Structures are given as C-alpha cells and as structure tokens.
C-alpha cells in the first residue's frame, strides 16, 4: 500500500438538551445549525450534516485518525451552548444533556444519512424522540 493514510469513519450522533427541554425552536435551529457546522470546520471537525428538533440534535461527522467520538461531541456541545448563551438567543441559560448516542455509518450510506438528518422536522411531526431512538436500537446487531 503506497500513499497517505486514508480513513472513512463516519459517525451519526444524537444528543439532547438538558432535561429534554424543547429549547431549540425553529428560529434557534436556523441560526444554531449553520453556526455549528462552520465552527466545527474551523476546529478541524468535518460535519457532513446537522439538524434536529426542539429537544435534540442529529450530527453526522467524519472521524479523523487523531479524533475521538467523545471529544468531538463534547467540543460541539460546549461551543454551541456557549454561542447560544453568549448571543442570548434564549431567555434562560442553555445546556446540553451530558449523554449522547452514536452509531457508525457506512460510507455507502452517507447520502441516506444526510437525507434522514435533513428531514428531522418532518420526521418528528409523526414520531417522538423515544420512538426514533428505539428504531435505532433495533438496527444495532446484537452480538451474543
């Protein structure tokens, strides 16, 4: 094998607002998600898609060899919460919940993942976050 190291590791992560409060109104999402993508790029994080609903965010990113899933998500959460609070987009201090869920995404299905994330508002007109997470859990292969 000649040339440079190549990695194709993609991660679809979901995290919630603290207490699952529906703080991410449509107006907030319209400014927050582009900020998150731009800020991530400035920090060397390749965000492919970011979207969500009132109480949670979906983020698809490419994991580079020197990065960890937990560090990327932590940085995205800290930077975005600080930005929301510094710019006083909300009446109360904003916080993300400490936990998150993350799944690997095959490079061959990146387009489908981006499309799915892009349709979050539409998706959550019919399904709750708990129903969505249960569907993700069913997709995970159980190793016995």
N, C-alpha and C. Protein backbone atom coordinates (compact mmCIF):
# COMPACT_ATOMS: atom_id res chain seq x y z
N UNK A 1 0.84 -1.17 0.00
CA UNK A 1 0.00 0.00 0.00
C UNK A 1 0.89 1.24 0.00
N UNK A 2 0.73 2.10 -0.98
CA UNK A 2 1.53 3.31 -1.07
C UNK A 2 0.63 4.53 -0.90
N UNK A 3 1.25 5.66 -0.60
CA UNK A 3 0.49 6.90 -0.48
C UNK A 3 0.22 7.25 0.97
N UNK A 4 -0.79 8.05 1.17
CA UNK A 4 -1.10 8.53 2.51
C UNK A 4 -2.17 7.67 3.18
N UNK A 5 -2.27 7.83 4.48
CA UNK A 5 -3.28 7.13 5.24
C UNK A 5 -4.65 7.69 4.89
N UNK A 6 -5.61 6.82 4.67
CA UNK A 6 -6.96 7.24 4.34
C UNK A 6 -7.92 6.59 5.33
N UNK A 7 -8.82 7.39 5.86
CA UNK A 7 -9.84 6.83 6.75
C UNK A 7 -11.22 7.26 6.26
N UNK A 8 -12.16 6.36 6.42
CA UNK A 8 -13.55 6.64 6.08
C UNK A 8 -14.40 6.15 7.24
N UNK A 9 -14.35 6.88 8.33
CA UNK A 9 -15.13 6.53 9.52
C UNK A 9 -16.11 7.67 9.75
N UNK A 10 -17.39 7.34 9.61
CA UNK A 10 -18.44 8.34 9.77
C UNK A 10 -19.29 7.97 10.98
N UNK A 11 -19.72 8.99 11.70
CA UNK A 11 -20.48 8.78 12.93
C UNK A 11 -21.74 9.63 12.89
N UNK A 12 -22.87 9.01 13.22
CA UNK A 12 -24.14 9.70 13.37
C UNK A 12 -24.41 9.75 14.87
N UNK A 13 -24.41 10.96 15.41
CA UNK A 13 -24.60 11.14 16.86
C UNK A 13 -25.88 11.92 17.12
N UNK A 14 -26.49 11.60 18.25
CA UNK A 14 -27.69 12.31 18.71
C UNK A 14 -27.46 12.70 20.16
N UNK A 15 -27.77 13.94 20.49
CA UNK A 15 -27.75 14.37 21.88
C UNK A 15 -28.90 15.33 22.13
N UNK A 16 -29.26 15.45 23.40
CA UNK A 16 -30.46 16.21 23.78
C UNK A 16 -30.11 17.46 24.58
N UNK A 17 -31.08 18.34 24.63
CA UNK A 17 -30.99 19.49 25.52
C UNK A 17 -31.12 18.99 26.95
N UNK A 18 -30.62 19.76 27.90
CA UNK A 18 -30.73 19.36 29.30
C UNK A 18 -32.21 19.21 29.66
N UNK A 19 -32.53 18.09 30.27
CA UNK A 19 -33.91 17.82 30.67
C UNK A 19 -34.86 17.66 29.50
N UNK A 20 -34.29 17.50 28.31
CA UNK A 20 -35.09 17.39 27.08
C UNK A 20 -36.07 18.56 26.93
N UNK A 21 -35.64 19.72 27.37
CA UNK A 21 -36.45 20.92 27.21
C UNK A 21 -36.49 21.29 25.73
N UNK A 22 -37.66 21.65 25.18
CA UNK A 22 -37.77 21.98 23.76
C UNK A 22 -37.26 23.40 23.47
N UNK A 23 -36.01 23.65 23.81
CA UNK A 23 -35.42 24.99 23.70
C UNK A 23 -35.03 25.35 22.27
N UNK A 24 -34.88 24.35 21.42
CA UNK A 24 -34.40 24.60 20.06
C UNK A 24 -35.58 24.88 19.13
N UNK A 25 -36.11 26.07 19.24
CA UNK A 25 -37.22 26.48 18.39
C UNK A 25 -36.74 26.56 16.94
N UNK A 26 -37.67 26.69 16.02
CA UNK A 26 -37.31 26.78 14.61
C UNK A 26 -36.33 27.90 14.33
N UNK A 27 -36.53 29.05 14.95
CA UNK A 27 -35.64 30.20 14.74
C UNK A 27 -34.25 29.89 15.28
N UNK A 28 -34.18 29.29 16.45
CA UNK A 28 -32.88 28.95 17.05
C UNK A 28 -32.16 27.93 16.18
N UNK A 29 -32.88 26.92 15.71
CA UNK A 29 -32.25 25.89 14.86
C UNK A 29 -31.70 26.50 13.57
N UNK A 30 -32.40 27.46 13.00
CA UNK A 30 -31.96 28.08 11.74
C UNK A 30 -30.63 28.82 11.88
N UNK A 31 -30.32 29.33 13.07
CA UNK A 31 -29.03 30.00 13.27
C UNK A 31 -28.00 29.08 13.91
N UNK A 32 -28.46 28.19 14.77
CA UNK A 32 -27.53 27.32 15.50
C UNK A 32 -26.84 26.30 14.60
N UNK A 33 -27.59 25.61 13.77
CA UNK A 33 -27.00 24.52 12.99
C UNK A 33 -25.96 25.00 11.98
N UNK A 34 -26.21 26.08 11.25
CA UNK A 34 -25.13 26.59 10.38
C UNK A 34 -23.91 27.04 11.19
N UNK A 35 -24.14 27.64 12.37
CA UNK A 35 -23.01 28.02 13.22
C UNK A 35 -22.21 26.78 13.63
N UNK A 36 -22.90 25.73 14.06
CA UNK A 36 -22.22 24.51 14.50
C UNK A 36 -21.35 23.95 13.39
N UNK A 37 -21.88 23.90 12.17
CA UNK A 37 -21.14 23.35 11.04
C UNK A 37 -19.90 24.21 10.73
N UNK A 38 -20.08 25.52 10.71
CA UNK A 38 -18.98 26.44 10.41
C UNK A 38 -17.92 26.40 11.51
N UNK A 39 -18.34 26.44 12.75
CA UNK A 39 -17.41 26.42 13.87
C UNK A 39 -16.64 25.10 13.91
N UNK A 40 -17.33 24.00 13.63
CA UNK A 40 -16.68 22.69 13.61
C UNK A 40 -15.58 22.67 12.55
N UNK A 41 -15.88 23.18 11.37
CA UNK A 41 -14.89 23.20 10.28
C UNK A 41 -13.66 24.00 10.70
N UNK A 42 -13.87 25.10 11.40
CA UNK A 42 -12.74 25.91 11.88
C UNK A 42 -11.88 25.15 12.88
N UNK A 43 -12.46 24.16 13.55
CA UNK A 43 -11.75 23.37 14.56
C UNK A 43 -11.25 22.03 13.99
N UNK A 44 -11.38 21.83 12.68
CA UNK A 44 -10.91 20.61 12.06
C UNK A 44 -11.86 19.44 12.17
N UNK A 45 -13.14 19.72 12.43
CA UNK A 45 -14.15 18.68 12.51
C UNK A 45 -14.99 18.74 11.25
N UNK A 46 -15.06 17.63 10.52
CA UNK A 46 -15.81 17.60 9.27
C UNK A 46 -17.25 17.16 9.52
N UNK A 47 -18.14 18.14 9.70
CA UNK A 47 -19.55 17.85 9.90
C UNK A 47 -20.21 17.75 8.53
N UNK A 48 -20.81 16.62 8.27
CA UNK A 48 -21.48 16.38 6.99
C UNK A 48 -22.92 16.90 7.02
N UNK A 49 -23.57 16.79 8.18
CA UNK A 49 -24.95 17.23 8.33
C UNK A 49 -25.23 17.46 9.81
N UNK A 50 -26.06 18.46 10.08
CA UNK A 50 -26.54 18.71 11.44
C UNK A 50 -27.95 19.26 11.34
N UNK A 51 -28.83 18.71 12.15
CA UNK A 51 -30.23 19.13 12.16
C UNK A 51 -30.87 18.54 13.41
N UNK A 52 -32.10 18.84 13.65
CA UNK A 52 -32.74 18.27 14.81
C UNK A 52 -34.14 18.81 15.01
N UNK A 53 -34.61 18.66 16.23
CA UNK A 53 -35.94 19.11 16.62
C UNK A 53 -35.79 19.90 17.92
N UNK A 54 -36.90 20.20 18.54
CA UNK A 54 -36.90 21.08 19.71
C UNK A 54 -36.02 20.66 20.85
N UNK A 55 -35.85 19.34 21.06
CA UNK A 55 -35.11 18.90 22.23
C UNK A 55 -33.87 18.07 21.92
N UNK A 56 -33.53 17.94 20.64
CA UNK A 56 -32.34 17.13 20.32
C UNK A 56 -31.73 17.52 18.98
N UNK A 57 -30.49 17.02 18.79
CA UNK A 57 -29.71 17.29 17.59
C UNK A 57 -29.19 15.97 17.02
N UNK A 58 -29.17 15.90 15.69
CA UNK A 58 -28.50 14.83 14.97
C UNK A 58 -27.29 15.45 14.30
N UNK A 59 -26.17 14.77 14.35
CA UNK A 59 -24.96 15.29 13.71
C UNK A 59 -24.21 14.13 13.07
N UNK A 60 -23.91 14.27 11.80
CA UNK A 60 -23.11 13.28 11.07
C UNK A 60 -21.76 13.91 10.81
N UNK A 61 -20.70 13.25 11.29
CA UNK A 61 -19.36 13.80 11.09
C UNK A 61 -18.39 12.70 10.68
N UNK A 62 -17.32 13.14 10.04
CA UNK A 62 -16.25 12.22 9.65
C UNK A 62 -15.22 12.23 10.76
N UNK A 63 -14.88 11.06 11.23
CA UNK A 63 -13.91 10.91 12.31
C UNK A 63 -12.52 10.76 11.72
N UNK A 64 -11.64 11.66 12.07
CA UNK A 64 -10.25 11.62 11.60
C UNK A 64 -9.43 10.76 12.57
N UNK A 65 -8.28 10.24 12.13
CA UNK A 65 -7.49 9.33 12.97
C UNK A 65 -7.09 9.90 14.33
N UNK A 66 -6.91 11.19 14.45
CA UNK A 66 -6.46 11.78 15.72
C UNK A 66 -7.62 12.26 16.58
N UNK A 67 -8.85 11.99 16.16
CA UNK A 67 -10.02 12.46 16.90
C UNK A 67 -10.73 11.29 17.57
N UNK A 68 -11.47 11.62 18.63
CA UNK A 68 -12.32 10.61 19.26
C UNK A 68 -13.76 11.09 19.21
N UNK A 69 -14.68 10.14 19.17
CA UNK A 69 -16.10 10.48 19.12
C UNK A 69 -16.48 11.35 20.31
N UNK A 70 -16.08 10.95 21.50
CA UNK A 70 -16.48 11.70 22.70
C UNK A 70 -15.91 13.12 22.70
N UNK A 71 -14.66 13.28 22.24
CA UNK A 71 -14.07 14.63 22.21
C UNK A 71 -14.77 15.53 21.19
N UNK A 72 -15.12 14.99 20.04
CA UNK A 72 -15.82 15.79 19.04
C UNK A 72 -17.18 16.23 19.56
N UNK A 73 -17.94 15.30 20.11
CA UNK A 73 -19.27 15.64 20.60
C UNK A 73 -19.17 16.63 21.75
N UNK A 74 -18.22 16.43 22.64
CA UNK A 74 -18.03 17.37 23.76
C UNK A 74 -17.73 18.77 23.23
N UNK A 75 -16.85 18.86 22.25
CA UNK A 75 -16.50 20.16 21.69
C UNK A 75 -17.70 20.80 21.00
N UNK A 76 -18.45 20.04 20.22
CA UNK A 76 -19.63 20.58 19.55
C UNK A 76 -20.65 21.09 20.56
N UNK A 77 -20.84 20.34 21.63
CA UNK A 77 -21.80 20.75 22.66
C UNK A 77 -21.34 22.03 23.37
N UNK A 78 -20.09 22.05 23.81
CA UNK A 78 -19.58 23.21 24.55
C UNK A 78 -19.62 24.47 23.69
N UNK A 79 -19.09 24.36 22.47
CA UNK A 79 -19.03 25.53 21.58
C UNK A 79 -20.43 26.05 21.27
N UNK A 80 -21.37 25.17 20.99
CA UNK A 80 -22.72 25.61 20.62
C UNK A 80 -23.48 26.18 21.81
N UNK A 81 -23.34 25.57 22.98
CA UNK A 81 -24.01 26.10 24.17
C UNK A 81 -23.45 27.48 24.53
N UNK A 82 -22.14 27.61 24.49
CA UNK A 82 -21.53 28.91 24.78
C UNK A 82 -22.01 29.97 23.79
N UNK A 83 -22.08 29.61 22.52
CA UNK A 83 -22.51 30.56 21.49
C UNK A 83 -23.96 30.99 21.71
N UNK A 84 -24.84 30.01 22.01
CA UNK A 84 -26.24 30.36 22.28
C UNK A 84 -26.34 31.29 23.49
N UNK A 85 -25.59 30.98 24.54
CA UNK A 85 -25.66 31.79 25.76
C UNK A 85 -25.01 33.16 25.56
N UNK A 86 -23.86 33.21 24.91
CA UNK A 86 -23.18 34.49 24.68
C UNK A 86 -24.02 35.44 23.84
N UNK A 87 -24.76 34.88 22.89
CA UNK A 87 -25.58 35.70 22.00
C UNK A 87 -27.01 35.88 22.49
N UNK A 88 -27.30 35.31 23.65
CA UNK A 88 -28.60 35.46 24.31
C UNK A 88 -29.78 35.14 23.38
N UNK A 89 -29.67 34.01 22.69
CA UNK A 89 -30.74 33.57 21.82
C UNK A 89 -31.94 33.04 22.61
N UNK A 90 -31.71 32.68 23.86
CA UNK A 90 -32.77 32.13 24.70
C UNK A 90 -32.92 32.96 25.97
N UNK A 91 -34.08 32.89 26.57
CA UNK A 91 -34.34 33.66 27.79
C UNK A 91 -33.58 33.12 28.99
N UNK A 92 -33.30 31.82 28.99
CA UNK A 92 -32.60 31.17 30.10
C UNK A 92 -31.29 30.59 29.61
N UNK A 93 -30.39 30.33 30.54
CA UNK A 93 -29.12 29.70 30.18
C UNK A 93 -29.37 28.35 29.52
N UNK A 94 -28.64 28.09 28.46
CA UNK A 94 -28.83 26.86 27.70
C UNK A 94 -27.78 25.84 28.09
N UNK A 95 -28.19 24.58 28.15
CA UNK A 95 -27.28 23.46 28.42
C UNK A 95 -27.70 22.25 27.61
N UNK A 96 -26.70 21.44 27.25
CA UNK A 96 -26.95 20.15 26.65
C UNK A 96 -26.94 19.11 27.76
N UNK A 97 -27.63 18.01 27.56
CA UNK A 97 -27.54 16.87 28.45
C UNK A 97 -26.14 16.27 28.33
N UNK A 98 -25.68 15.59 29.36
CA UNK A 98 -24.33 15.02 29.35
C UNK A 98 -24.20 13.81 28.42
N UNK A 99 -25.27 13.08 28.22
CA UNK A 99 -25.17 11.83 27.46
C UNK A 99 -25.41 12.06 25.97
N UNK A 100 -25.06 11.06 25.19
CA UNK A 100 -25.30 11.07 23.75
C UNK A 100 -25.36 9.63 23.28
N UNK A 101 -25.84 9.45 22.06
CA UNK A 101 -25.80 8.15 21.39
C UNK A 101 -25.07 8.36 20.07
N UNK A 102 -24.34 7.34 19.63
CA UNK A 102 -23.60 7.46 18.38
C UNK A 102 -23.52 6.09 17.70
N UNK A 103 -23.62 6.14 16.37
CA UNK A 103 -23.57 4.94 15.56
C UNK A 103 -22.64 5.17 14.38
N UNK A 104 -21.96 4.13 13.96
CA UNK A 104 -21.13 4.24 12.76
C UNK A 104 -22.04 4.20 11.54
N UNK A 105 -21.59 4.85 10.48
CA UNK A 105 -22.35 4.90 9.24
C UNK A 105 -21.43 4.44 8.11
N UNK A 106 -21.90 3.52 7.31
CA UNK A 106 -21.11 3.04 6.18
C UNK A 106 -20.95 4.16 5.16
N UNK A 107 -19.75 4.29 4.59
CA UNK A 107 -19.56 5.30 3.54
C UNK A 107 -20.56 5.18 2.40
N UNK A 108 -21.05 3.97 2.14
CA UNK A 108 -22.01 3.77 1.05
C UNK A 108 -23.41 4.30 1.38
N UNK A 109 -23.66 4.62 2.65
CA UNK A 109 -24.99 5.12 3.04
C UNK A 109 -24.95 6.57 3.55
N UNK A 110 -23.86 7.26 3.30
CA UNK A 110 -23.75 8.65 3.76
C UNK A 110 -24.88 9.51 3.20
N UNK A 111 -25.19 9.36 1.92
CA UNK A 111 -26.25 10.15 1.31
C UNK A 111 -27.59 9.94 2.02
N UNK A 112 -27.88 8.68 2.37
CA UNK A 112 -29.13 8.38 3.07
C UNK A 112 -29.13 8.99 4.47
N UNK A 113 -27.99 8.94 5.14
CA UNK A 113 -27.91 9.53 6.48
C UNK A 113 -28.09 11.04 6.42
N UNK A 114 -27.47 11.69 5.45
CA UNK A 114 -27.61 13.14 5.28
C UNK A 114 -29.07 13.49 5.00
N UNK A 115 -29.71 12.72 4.14
CA UNK A 115 -31.12 12.96 3.82
C UNK A 115 -32.00 12.78 5.06
N UNK A 116 -31.75 11.72 5.81
CA UNK A 116 -32.52 11.46 7.03
C UNK A 116 -32.36 12.61 8.03
N UNK A 117 -31.15 13.04 8.24
CA UNK A 117 -30.89 14.14 9.18
C UNK A 117 -31.55 15.43 8.67
N UNK A 118 -31.53 15.65 7.38
CA UNK A 118 -32.15 16.84 6.81
C UNK A 118 -33.65 16.91 6.99
N UNK A 119 -34.28 15.76 7.21
CA UNK A 119 -35.75 15.71 7.33
C UNK A 119 -36.22 15.57 8.78
N UNK A 120 -35.42 15.98 9.72
CA UNK A 120 -35.78 15.80 11.13
C UNK A 120 -37.08 16.50 11.53
N UNK A 121 -37.27 17.72 11.09
CA UNK A 121 -38.50 18.43 11.47
C UNK A 121 -39.72 17.67 10.97
N UNK A 122 -39.66 17.22 9.74
CA UNK A 122 -40.76 16.45 9.14
C UNK A 122 -40.94 15.11 9.88
N UNK A 123 -39.84 14.44 10.15
CA UNK A 123 -39.88 13.14 10.83
C UNK A 123 -40.57 13.25 12.19
N UNK A 124 -40.25 14.31 12.91
CA UNK A 124 -40.79 14.42 14.27
C UNK A 124 -42.19 15.01 14.36
N UNK A 125 -42.80 15.22 13.23
CA UNK A 125 -44.23 15.54 13.24
C UNK A 125 -45.04 14.28 13.57
N UNK A 126 -44.48 13.12 13.26
CA UNK A 126 -45.18 11.86 13.45
C UNK A 126 -44.57 10.96 14.52
N UNK A 127 -43.28 11.13 14.82
CA UNK A 127 -42.59 10.23 15.77
C UNK A 127 -41.90 11.04 16.86
N UNK A 128 -41.89 10.47 18.05
CA UNK A 128 -41.19 11.10 19.17
C UNK A 128 -39.71 10.72 19.14
N UNK A 129 -38.93 11.41 19.92
CA UNK A 129 -37.51 11.08 20.04
C UNK A 129 -37.34 9.66 20.58
N UNK A 130 -38.13 9.27 21.57
CA UNK A 130 -38.02 7.92 22.13
C UNK A 130 -38.31 6.86 21.07
N UNK A 131 -39.29 7.10 20.21
CA UNK A 131 -39.60 6.15 19.13
C UNK A 131 -38.43 6.08 18.13
N UNK A 132 -37.84 7.23 17.86
CA UNK A 132 -36.71 7.27 16.96
C UNK A 132 -35.52 6.50 17.53
N UNK A 133 -35.22 6.72 18.79
CA UNK A 133 -34.09 6.03 19.43
C UNK A 133 -34.34 4.52 19.50
N UNK A 134 -35.59 4.12 19.74
CA UNK A 134 -35.93 2.70 19.76
C UNK A 134 -35.70 2.08 18.39
N UNK A 135 -36.02 2.82 17.32
CA UNK A 135 -35.77 2.31 15.96
C UNK A 135 -34.28 2.15 15.70
N UNK A 136 -33.48 3.10 16.18
CA UNK A 136 -32.03 2.98 16.03
C UNK A 136 -31.52 1.76 16.79
N UNK A 137 -32.02 1.56 18.00
CA UNK A 137 -31.59 0.41 18.80
C UNK A 137 -31.89 -0.92 18.10
N UNK A 138 -33.01 -0.99 17.38
CA UNK A 138 -33.37 -2.21 16.65
C UNK A 138 -32.41 -2.49 15.51
N UNK A 139 -31.77 -1.46 14.98
CA UNK A 139 -30.85 -1.64 13.86
C UNK A 139 -29.50 -2.18 14.31
N UNK A 140 -29.18 -2.04 15.58
CA UNK A 140 -27.88 -2.47 16.08
C UNK A 140 -27.85 -3.99 16.14
N UNK A 141 -26.79 -4.56 15.62
CA UNK A 141 -26.63 -6.02 15.63
C UNK A 141 -26.25 -6.46 17.03
N UNK A 142 -27.00 -7.38 17.57
CA UNK A 142 -26.73 -7.92 18.90
C UNK A 142 -25.73 -9.05 18.78
N UNK A 143 -24.61 -8.93 19.47
CA UNK A 143 -23.60 -9.99 19.48
C UNK A 143 -23.73 -10.75 20.80
N UNK A 144 -23.92 -12.04 20.70
CA UNK A 144 -24.12 -12.86 21.90
C UNK A 144 -22.85 -13.63 22.22
